[in-house]
Amino acid sequence: MSKRLQVILDDPEYRDLQRAARARRMSIAQWVREALAFAHQRQSTLSIEQKLEALNRASKYELPIGDVEQLLTEIERGYLSSSEE
């Protein structure tokens, strides 16, 4: 189902949108839909970028960890002990 969205703009803002839409040979409504889709996509992507940056920063530390098999065993042991409680 489609929904209607109303946005109130000042005359200068509206003219800017009108020029931007005209430059791309599209209606203002189509230009706004594309701008909203782009903003939504960028917002979702930012979260991934932030996570990658955190991993990047954390990987610079030399932390004491065991080998993969030891880590998996400890994780499994933790899951099993919490499910027994």
C-alpha atoms as a PDB file:
ATOM      1  CA  MET A   1       0.000   0.000   0.000  1.00  0.00           C
ATOM      2  CA  SER A   2       1.321   3.451  -0.834  1.00  0.00           C
ATOM      3  CA  LYS A   3       1.455   6.201   1.764  1.00  0.00           C
ATOM      4  CA  ARG A   4       1.476   9.941   1.250  1.00  0.00           C
ATOM      5  CA  LEU A   5       4.131  12.102   2.904  1.00  0.00           C
ATOM      6  CA  GLN A   6       3.833  15.855   3.194  1.00  0.00           C
ATOM      7  CA  VAL A   7       6.912  18.001   3.732  1.00  0.00           C
ATOM      8  CA  ILE A   8       6.598  21.748   4.231  1.00  0.00           C
ATOM      9  CA  LEU A   9       9.455  23.722   2.635  1.00  0.00           C
ATOM     10  CA  ASP A  10      10.343  27.378   2.438  1.00  0.00           C
ATOM     11  CA  ASP A  11      10.208  28.882  -1.057  1.00  0.00           C
ATOM     12  CA  PRO A  12      14.017  28.894  -1.469  1.00  0.00           C
ATOM     13  CA  GLU A  13      14.250  25.235  -0.399  1.00  0.00           C
ATOM     14  CA  TYR A  14      11.499  24.282  -2.819  1.00  0.00           C
ATOM     15  CA  ARG A  15      13.196  26.137  -5.681  1.00  0.00           C
ATOM     16  CA  ASP A  16      16.470  24.330  -4.898  1.00  0.00           C
ATOM     17  CA  LEU A  17      14.681  20.977  -5.077  1.00  0.00           C
ATOM     18  CA  GLN A  18      12.943  22.028  -8.249  1.00  0.00           C
ATOM     19  CA  ARG A  19      16.284  22.948  -9.875  1.00  0.00           C
ATOM     20  CA  ALA A  20      17.919  19.710  -8.726  1.00  0.00           C
ATOM     21  CA  ALA A  21      15.048  17.616 -10.085  1.00  0.00           C
ATOM     22  CA  ARG A  22      14.936  19.542 -13.345  1.00  0.00           C
ATOM     23  CA  ALA A  23      18.701  19.067 -13.814  1.00  0.00           C
ATOM     24  CA  ARG A  24      18.160  15.301 -13.661  1.00  0.00           C
ATOM     25  CA  ARG A  25      14.999  15.496 -15.810  1.00  0.00           C
ATOM     26  CA  MET A  26      12.725  14.065 -13.169  1.00  0.00           C
ATOM     27  CA  SER A  27       9.806  15.183 -11.077  1.00  0.00           C
ATOM     28  CA  ILE A  28      10.363  16.618  -7.623  1.00  0.00           C
ATOM     29  CA  ALA A  29       8.552  13.616  -6.148  1.00  0.00           C
ATOM     30  CA  GLN A  30      10.883  11.172  -7.915  1.00  0.00           C
ATOM     31  CA  TRP A  31      13.944  13.193  -6.887  1.00  0.00           C
ATOM     32  CA  VAL A  32      12.797  13.171  -3.246  1.00  0.00           C
ATOM     33  CA  ARG A  33      12.072   9.412  -3.343  1.00  0.00           C
ATOM     34  CA  GLU A  34      15.585   8.762  -4.676  1.00  0.00           C
ATOM     35  CA  ALA A  35      17.140  11.094  -2.092  1.00  0.00           C
ATOM     36  CA  LEU A  36      15.274   9.315   0.715  1.00  0.00           C
ATOM     37  CA  ALA A  37      16.333   5.890  -0.591  1.00  0.00           C
ATOM     38  CA  PHE A  38      19.955   7.061  -0.778  1.00  0.00           C
ATOM     39  CA  ALA A  39      19.810   8.480   2.761  1.00  0.00           C
ATOM     40  CA  HIS A  40      18.268   5.263   4.079  1.00  0.00           C
ATOM     41  CA  GLN A  41      20.924   3.139   2.366  1.00  0.00           C
ATOM     42  CA  ARG A  42      23.705   5.385   3.688  1.00  0.00           C
ATOM     43  CA  GLN A  43      22.333   5.155   7.222  1.00  0.00           C
ATOM     44  CA  SER A  44      22.375   1.365   7.040  1.00  0.00           C
ATOM     45  CA  THR A  45      25.892   1.353   5.596  1.00  0.00           C
ATOM     46  CA  LEU A  46      27.226   3.635   8.312  1.00  0.00           C
ATOM     47  CA  SER A  47      26.573   0.995  10.919  1.00  0.00           C
ATOM     48  CA  ILE A  48      28.731  -1.509   9.028  1.00  0.00           C
ATOM     49  CA  GLU A  49      31.482   1.084   8.579  1.00  0.00           C
ATOM     50  CA  GLN A  50      31.437   1.807  12.309  1.00  0.00           C
ATOM     51  CA  LYS A  51      31.711  -1.892  13.101  1.00  0.00           C
ATOM     52  CA  LEU A  52      34.609  -2.333  10.700  1.00  0.00           C
ATOM     53  CA  GLU A  53      36.390   0.663  12.199  1.00  0.00           C
ATOM     54  CA  ALA A  54      35.953  -0.796  15.698  1.00  0.00           C
ATOM     55  CA  LEU A  55      37.391  -4.123  14.521  1.00  0.00           C
ATOM     56  CA  ASN A  56      40.255  -2.302  12.874  1.00  0.00           C
ATOM     57  CA  ARG A  57      41.070  -0.430  16.094  1.00  0.00           C
ATOM     58  CA  ALA A  58      40.772  -3.582  18.224  1.00  0.00           C
ATOM     59  CA  SER A  59      43.051  -5.579  15.928  1.00  0.00           C
ATOM     60  CA  LYS A  60      45.925  -3.197  16.728  1.00  0.00           C
ATOM     61  CA  TYR A  61      46.091  -4.472  20.327  1.00  0.00           C
ATOM     62  CA  GLU A  62      48.070  -7.566  21.233  1.00  0.00           C
ATOM     63  CA  LEU A  63      45.632  -9.433  23.428  1.00  0.00           C
ATOM     64  CA  PRO A  64      46.345 -12.851  24.935  1.00  0.00           C
ATOM     65  CA  ILE A  65      44.099 -15.408  23.274  1.00  0.00           C
ATOM     66  CA  GLY A  66      44.296 -19.144  22.771  1.00  0.00           C
ATOM     67  CA  ASP A  67      44.104 -21.048  19.547  1.00  0.00           C
ATOM     68  CA  VAL A  68      40.794 -21.410  17.741  1.00  0.00           C
ATOM     69  CA  GLU A  69      40.035 -24.899  19.046  1.00  0.00           C
ATOM     70  CA  GLN A  70      40.607 -23.773  22.641  1.00  0.00           C
ATOM     71  CA  LEU A  71      38.326 -20.749  22.146  1.00  0.00           C
ATOM     72  CA  LEU A  72      35.566 -22.873  20.618  1.00  0.00           C
ATOM     73  CA  THR A  73      35.817 -25.384  23.469  1.00  0.00           C
ATOM     74  CA  GLU A  74      35.542 -22.605  26.060  1.00  0.00           C
ATOM     75  CA  ILE A  75      32.584 -21.043  24.249  1.00  0.00           C
ATOM     76  CA  GLU A  76      30.792 -24.379  24.075  1.00  0.00           C
ATOM     77  CA  ARG A  77      31.523 -25.042  27.746  1.00  0.00           C
ATOM     78  CA  GLY A  78      30.057 -21.636  28.596  1.00  0.00           C
ATOM     79  CA  TYR A  79      26.893 -22.328  26.594  1.00  0.00           C
ATOM     80  CA  LEU A  80      26.456 -25.738  28.212  1.00  0.00           C
ATOM     81  CA  SER A  81      26.956 -24.452  31.755  1.00  0.00           C
ATOM     82  CA  SER A  82      24.475 -21.590  31.262  1.00  0.00           C
ATOM     83  CA  SER A  83      21.832 -23.957  29.868  1.00  0.00           C
ATOM     84  CA  GLU A  84      22.163 -26.232  32.943  1.00  0.00           C
ATOM     85  CA  GLU A  85      21.264 -23.394  35.361  1.00  0.00           C
END
